[in-house]
């Protein structure tokens, strides 16, 4: 999946070092020399588009919380290519400054989705949840302020980076917690014999039965995701996001895509790329 020269590369992610985005970035492509965090998804994409970073990892779906809509919506606005995907096992840790014990904690900080994933823990101790910009940033914030009545929900790597003590591990309510990241680049994916996934987005005219007719073009294919999203440029109009198992160049997939493109009022193939293998722990 790397560029032909296989030179050391930089991978952009959203968040602070120690976030799950950085874990995805570290495992996205071979020859990763460094990772660089950005405050927003927009800035992440701009960094890759401008050449400031060679690749970017964009979270698009969580196995418990569903689609990450803010990120997905941006895929229609960029000319970057999806060249692969990486799935990260989200294993939350409860962490605090060294010497802080469970009884000292009054507030627990993290990104809102992470707080939603540890509701049992928060209820058990009666802590006040405080939503922050990202998981690792919460640990960094506590460390910088020296707050001894607060804890963070973040990754094991975040605890290591910010000198936090892990009080509890794997505190998520459900164990099957994974986040899927798309790997973005300015170049198209290199040829590969690995199993592929093809992602597309389209819109159809407001004509009775026309959406069903368009979806029928995909019959016989394995669709691993199908979701509608409101269009941001037109009221009461929707985009359909589809993930198909298979290469865009496979005869059956190519025929189906051609049928969708003929019927759709708007369509974009987001990418045809190797599927993730085993999740990153």
Protein backbone atom coordinates (compact mmCIF):
# COMPACT_ATOMS: atom_id res chain seq x y z
CA UNK A 1 0.00 0.00 0.00
CA UNK A 2 2.98 2.33 0.23
CA UNK A 3 4.16 4.57 -2.58
CA UNK A 4 6.52 2.89 -5.06
CA UNK A 5 9.71 4.42 -3.60
CA UNK A 6 8.94 2.87 -0.16
CA UNK A 7 10.62 5.86 1.52
CA UNK A 8 9.90 6.63 5.19
CA UNK A 9 6.48 8.25 5.43
CA UNK A 10 4.40 10.45 7.71
CA UNK A 11 0.85 9.47 8.68
CA UNK A 12 -1.67 12.04 9.92
CA UNK A 13 -4.39 11.31 12.47
CA UNK A 14 -6.95 13.29 14.47
CA UNK A 15 -6.18 13.79 18.14
CA UNK A 16 -3.20 13.71 20.48
CA UNK A 17 -0.39 11.15 20.67
CA UNK A 18 -1.71 8.08 22.45
CA UNK A 19 -5.16 8.29 20.87
CA UNK A 20 -6.65 5.33 19.02
CA UNK A 21 -6.16 7.37 15.86
CA UNK A 22 -2.42 7.40 16.48
CA UNK A 23 -2.48 3.64 17.07
CA UNK A 24 -4.18 3.30 13.66
CA UNK A 25 -1.58 5.61 12.11
CA UNK A 26 1.30 3.58 13.50
CA UNK A 27 -0.16 0.44 11.89
CA UNK A 28 -1.56 1.89 8.66
CA UNK A 29 1.35 1.51 6.27
CA UNK A 30 4.88 0.06 6.32
CA UNK A 31 7.86 2.39 6.69
CA UNK A 32 6.02 4.83 8.95
CA UNK A 33 8.72 7.21 10.17
CA UNK A 34 6.46 9.46 12.21
CA UNK A 35 2.86 10.29 12.95
CA UNK A 36 1.33 13.73 13.30
CA UNK A 37 -1.86 14.60 15.15
CA UNK A 38 -4.30 17.30 14.03
CA UNK A 39 -7.16 18.89 16.00
CA UNK A 40 -9.89 18.14 13.43
CA UNK A 41 -10.73 15.75 10.60
CA UNK A 42 -10.67 18.71 8.19
CA UNK A 43 -7.09 19.58 9.13
CA UNK A 44 -6.07 15.93 8.84
CA UNK A 45 -7.36 15.80 5.24
CA UNK A 46 -5.78 19.15 4.33
CA UNK A 47 -2.41 17.89 5.60
CA UNK A 48 -2.53 14.91 3.25
CA UNK A 49 -3.87 16.93 0.31
CA UNK A 50 -1.11 19.51 0.68
CA UNK A 51 1.67 16.93 1.00
CA UNK A 52 2.42 17.86 4.60
CA UNK A 53 1.64 14.21 5.39
CA UNK A 54 1.94 11.23 3.07
CA UNK A 55 -1.09 9.39 4.45
CA UNK A 56 -3.99 9.95 6.80
CA UNK A 57 -6.21 7.68 8.85
CA UNK A 58 -9.87 8.68 9.15
CA UNK A 59 -12.20 6.83 11.56
CA UNK A 60 -15.45 5.98 9.80
CA UNK A 61 -17.18 3.35 11.93
CA UNK A 62 -17.24 1.92 15.44
CA UNK A 63 -18.64 -1.53 16.13
CA UNK A 64 -20.71 -0.26 19.10
CA UNK A 65 -21.53 3.35 18.22
CA UNK A 66 -22.02 2.98 14.46
CA UNK A 67 -20.90 5.36 11.73
CA UNK A 68 -18.79 8.41 12.52
CA UNK A 69 -20.85 10.79 10.44
CA UNK A 70 -18.60 13.84 10.56
CA UNK A 71 -15.77 11.82 9.06
CA UNK A 72 -17.93 10.02 6.49
CA UNK A 73 -19.41 13.26 5.20
CA UNK A 74 -15.92 14.56 4.42
CA UNK A 75 -15.24 11.68 2.03
CA UNK A 76 -17.47 13.34 -0.58
CA UNK A 77 -15.43 16.55 -0.36
CA UNK A 78 -11.91 15.25 -0.89
CA UNK A 79 -10.06 13.99 -3.94
CA UNK A 80 -7.87 11.73 -1.83
CA UNK A 81 -7.92 8.00 -2.54
CA UNK A 82 -8.81 5.34 0.01
CA UNK A 83 -5.95 2.86 -0.30
CA UNK A 84 -6.73 0.56 2.62
CA UNK A 85 -8.24 0.22 6.04
CA UNK A 86 -7.09 -0.63 9.55
CA UNK A 87 -9.28 -1.86 12.40
CA UNK A 88 -8.20 -1.00 15.94
CA UNK A 89 -9.35 -2.85 19.04
CA UNK A 90 -10.58 -0.18 21.45
CA UNK A 91 -9.47 -1.26 24.92
CA UNK A 92 -10.16 1.52 27.40
CA UNK A 93 -8.12 2.03 30.56
CA UNK A 94 -9.02 4.08 33.61
CA UNK A 95 -5.96 6.16 34.51
CA UNK A 96 -4.97 8.87 36.95
CA UNK A 97 -1.85 10.53 38.29
CA UNK A 98 0.52 8.31 40.29
CA UNK A 99 -0.68 7.94 43.88
CA UNK A 100 -4.31 8.74 43.07
CA UNK A 101 -6.70 6.00 44.21
CA UNK A 102 -10.25 5.18 43.15
CA UNK A 103 -11.67 6.89 46.22
CA UNK A 104 -9.96 10.17 45.30
CA UNK A 105 -11.70 10.47 41.93
CA UNK A 106 -14.65 12.82 41.47
CA UNK A 107 -14.66 13.35 37.70
CA UNK A 108 -13.75 11.16 34.72
CA UNK A 109 -12.64 12.77 31.44
CA UNK A 110 -12.66 11.46 27.88
CA UNK A 111 -14.14 11.89 24.44
CA UNK A 112 -17.93 11.58 24.55
CA UNK A 113 -18.12 8.27 22.62
CA UNK A 114 -15.58 6.76 25.04
CA UNK A 115 -17.61 7.95 28.03
CA UNK A 116 -20.69 6.37 26.46
CA UNK A 117 -18.79 3.08 26.23
CA UNK A 118 -17.95 2.96 29.96
CA UNK A 119 -21.30 3.93 31.49
CA UNK A 120 -21.30 0.92 33.85
CA UNK A 121 -18.01 2.02 35.41
CA UNK A 122 -19.15 5.62 35.79
CA UNK A 123 -22.45 4.60 37.41
CA UNK A 124 -20.70 2.15 39.73
CA UNK A 125 -18.60 4.90 41.30
CA UNK A 126 -20.97 7.83 40.81
CA UNK A 127 -18.38 9.93 39.00
CA UNK A 128 -19.17 13.03 36.97
CA UNK A 129 -18.40 12.44 33.27
CA UNK A 130 -16.68 15.34 31.50
CA UNK A 131 -16.52 15.29 27.69
CA UNK A 132 -13.22 16.41 26.16
CA UNK A 133 -11.85 16.68 22.62
CA UNK A 134 -10.24 13.23 22.53
CA UNK A 135 -9.24 10.33 24.74
CA UNK A 136 -5.48 10.83 24.95
CA UNK A 137 -5.95 14.58 25.28
CA UNK A 138 -7.88 13.94 28.49
CA UNK A 139 -4.90 12.14 30.02
CA UNK A 140 -2.59 14.90 28.82
CA UNK A 141 -4.88 17.55 30.34
CA UNK A 142 -4.95 15.87 33.74
CA UNK A 143 -1.17 15.46 33.70
CA UNK A 144 -0.57 19.10 32.78
CA UNK A 145 -2.95 20.43 35.45
CA UNK A 146 -1.87 17.96 38.11
CA UNK A 147 -5.54 17.19 38.86
CA UNK A 148 -5.67 14.58 41.62
CA UNK A 149 -9.45 14.22 41.76
CA UNK A 150 -9.83 13.31 38.09
CA UNK A 151 -9.28 10.24 35.95
CA UNK A 152 -9.17 9.70 32.20
CA UNK A 153 -10.50 7.00 29.90
CA UNK A 154 -7.89 6.36 27.24
CA UNK A 155 -5.54 3.78 25.75
CA UNK A 156 -2.65 2.03 27.48
CA UNK A 157 -0.31 3.96 25.18
CA UNK A 158 -1.73 7.27 26.45
CA UNK A 159 -0.94 6.24 30.03
CA UNK A 160 2.64 5.46 29.03
CA UNK A 161 3.10 8.75 27.16
CA UNK A 162 1.70 11.00 29.88
CA UNK A 163 3.00 9.23 32.96
CA UNK A 164 -0.42 8.12 34.19
CA UNK A 165 -1.09 5.17 36.45
CA UNK A 166 -3.60 2.62 35.14
CA UNK A 167 -6.18 1.84 37.82
CA UNK A 168 -8.36 -0.49 35.73
CA UNK A 169 -7.99 -2.11 32.32
CA UNK A 170 -10.61 -3.08 29.72
CA UNK A 171 -13.30 -0.98 31.39
CA UNK A 172 -15.55 -0.77 28.29
CA UNK A 173 -19.09 -2.06 28.80
CA UNK A 174 -18.82 -4.46 25.85
CA UNK A 175 -15.68 -6.31 24.74
CA UNK A 176 -16.40 -6.25 20.97
CA UNK A 177 -15.31 -2.62 20.63
CA UNK A 178 -13.49 -1.88 17.37
CA UNK A 179 -13.00 1.24 15.27
CA UNK A 180 -12.47 1.08 11.54
CA UNK A 181 -10.17 3.64 9.92
CA UNK A 182 -9.82 4.36 6.20
CA UNK A 183 -6.27 5.00 5.00
CA UNK A 184 -6.13 8.02 2.66
CA UNK A 185 -3.43 9.03 0.19
CA UNK A 186 -2.91 11.22 -2.86
CA UNK A 187 -2.09 8.19 -5.00
CA UNK A 188 -4.27 5.23 -5.88
CA UNK A 189 -3.74 1.88 -4.13
CA UNK A 190 -1.07 -0.38 -5.56
CA UNK A 191 -2.14 -3.67 -7.16
CA UNK A 192 -2.80 -6.38 -4.61
CA UNK A 193 -4.25 -9.89 -4.58
CA UNK A 194 -5.65 -9.41 -1.07
CA UNK A 195 -9.43 -9.45 -0.57
CA UNK A 196 -10.83 -6.04 -1.43
CA UNK A 197 -13.64 -3.75 -0.44
CA UNK A 198 -15.18 -1.08 -2.67
CA UNK A 199 -16.89 1.95 -1.14
CA UNK A 200 -19.21 4.29 -3.01
CA UNK A 201 -21.70 7.04 -2.32
CA UNK A 202 -24.62 8.02 -4.53
CA UNK A 203 -27.89 9.95 -4.65
CA UNK A 204 -30.96 9.32 -6.79
CA UNK A 205 -33.87 11.41 -8.07
CA UNK A 206 -37.01 11.69 -5.93
CA UNK A 207 -38.96 9.30 -8.13
CA UNK A 208 -41.09 6.49 -6.66
CA UNK A 209 -39.19 3.21 -6.72
CA UNK A 210 -36.02 4.70 -8.16
CA UNK A 211 -33.88 4.01 -5.08
CA UNK A 212 -34.95 0.37 -5.11
CA UNK A 213 -34.14 0.14 -8.82
CA UNK A 214 -30.69 1.58 -8.20
CA UNK A 215 -29.99 -0.76 -5.29
CA UNK A 216 -31.11 -3.68 -7.46
CA UNK A 217 -28.05 -3.00 -9.62
CA UNK A 218 -26.04 -4.36 -6.68
CA UNK A 219 -27.96 -7.62 -6.38
CA UNK A 220 -25.78 -10.68 -6.02
CA UNK A 221 -23.01 -8.73 -4.28
CA UNK A 222 -22.15 -8.90 -0.60
CA UNK A 223 -22.83 -5.45 0.89
CA UNK A 224 -21.02 -5.08 4.22
CA UNK A 225 -22.52 -1.64 4.91
CA UNK A 226 -25.43 0.41 3.63
CA UNK A 227 -26.42 3.71 5.19
CA UNK A 228 -28.24 6.89 4.21
CA UNK A 229 -27.04 10.36 5.23
CA UNK A 230 -28.67 13.78 4.68
CA UNK A 231 -27.00 15.85 1.99
CA UNK A 232 -25.36 18.95 3.38
CA UNK A 233 -26.04 20.98 0.22
CA UNK A 234 -29.72 20.16 -0.30
CA UNK A 235 -32.61 19.90 2.17
CA UNK A 236 -34.49 16.60 2.40
CA UNK A 237 -32.13 14.89 0.00
CA UNK A 238 -30.01 11.90 0.99
CA UNK A 239 -26.79 10.15 0.08
CA UNK A 240 -26.42 6.38 0.20
CA UNK A 241 -23.09 5.01 1.44
CA UNK A 242 -22.35 1.44 0.36
CA UNK A 243 -19.46 -0.94 1.07
CA UNK A 244 -19.15 -3.87 -1.34
CA UNK A 245 -16.89 -6.85 -0.80
CA UNK A 246 -14.81 -7.15 -3.96
CA UNK A 247 -12.59 -5.13 -6.30
CA UNK A 248 -14.08 -2.44 -8.51
CA UNK A 249 -12.36 -4.20 -11.42
CA UNK A 250 -14.05 -7.56 -10.73
CA UNK A 251 -16.50 -8.17 -13.61
CA UNK A 252 -19.59 -8.53 -11.42
CA UNK A 253 -18.69 -5.50 -9.29
CA UNK A 254 -17.77 -3.39 -12.33
CA UNK A 255 -21.09 -4.22 -14.00
CA UNK A 256 -23.01 -3.30 -10.85
CA UNK A 257 -21.12 -0.01 -10.42
CA UNK A 258 -21.82 0.92 -14.03
CA UNK A 259 -25.52 0.32 -13.41
CA UNK A 260 -25.51 2.54 -10.32
CA UNK A 261 -23.61 5.29 -12.15
CA UNK A 262 -26.20 5.26 -14.95
CA UNK A 263 -29.13 5.65 -12.58
CA UNK A 264 -27.68 7.95 -9.92
CA UNK A 265 -28.02 11.73 -10.03
CA UNK A 266 -24.72 11.88 -8.13
CA UNK A 267 -22.19 9.12 -7.55
CA UNK A 268 -18.61 8.79 -6.38
CA UNK A 269 -16.47 5.71 -5.89
CA UNK A 270 -14.67 6.53 -2.65
CA UNK A 271 -12.17 3.75 -3.12
CA UNK A 272 -11.47 0.12 -3.94
CA UNK A 273 -8.86 -1.10 -1.51
CA UNK A 274 -7.50 -4.12 0.42
CA UNK A 275 -9.63 -5.09 3.40
CA UNK A 276 -8.15 -4.99 6.88
CA UNK A 277 -6.69 -8.26 8.06
CA UNK A 278 -6.59 -8.89 11.82
CA UNK A 279 -7.53 -6.02 14.14
CA UNK A 280 -4.70 -4.09 15.77
CA UNK A 281 -4.67 -4.71 19.51
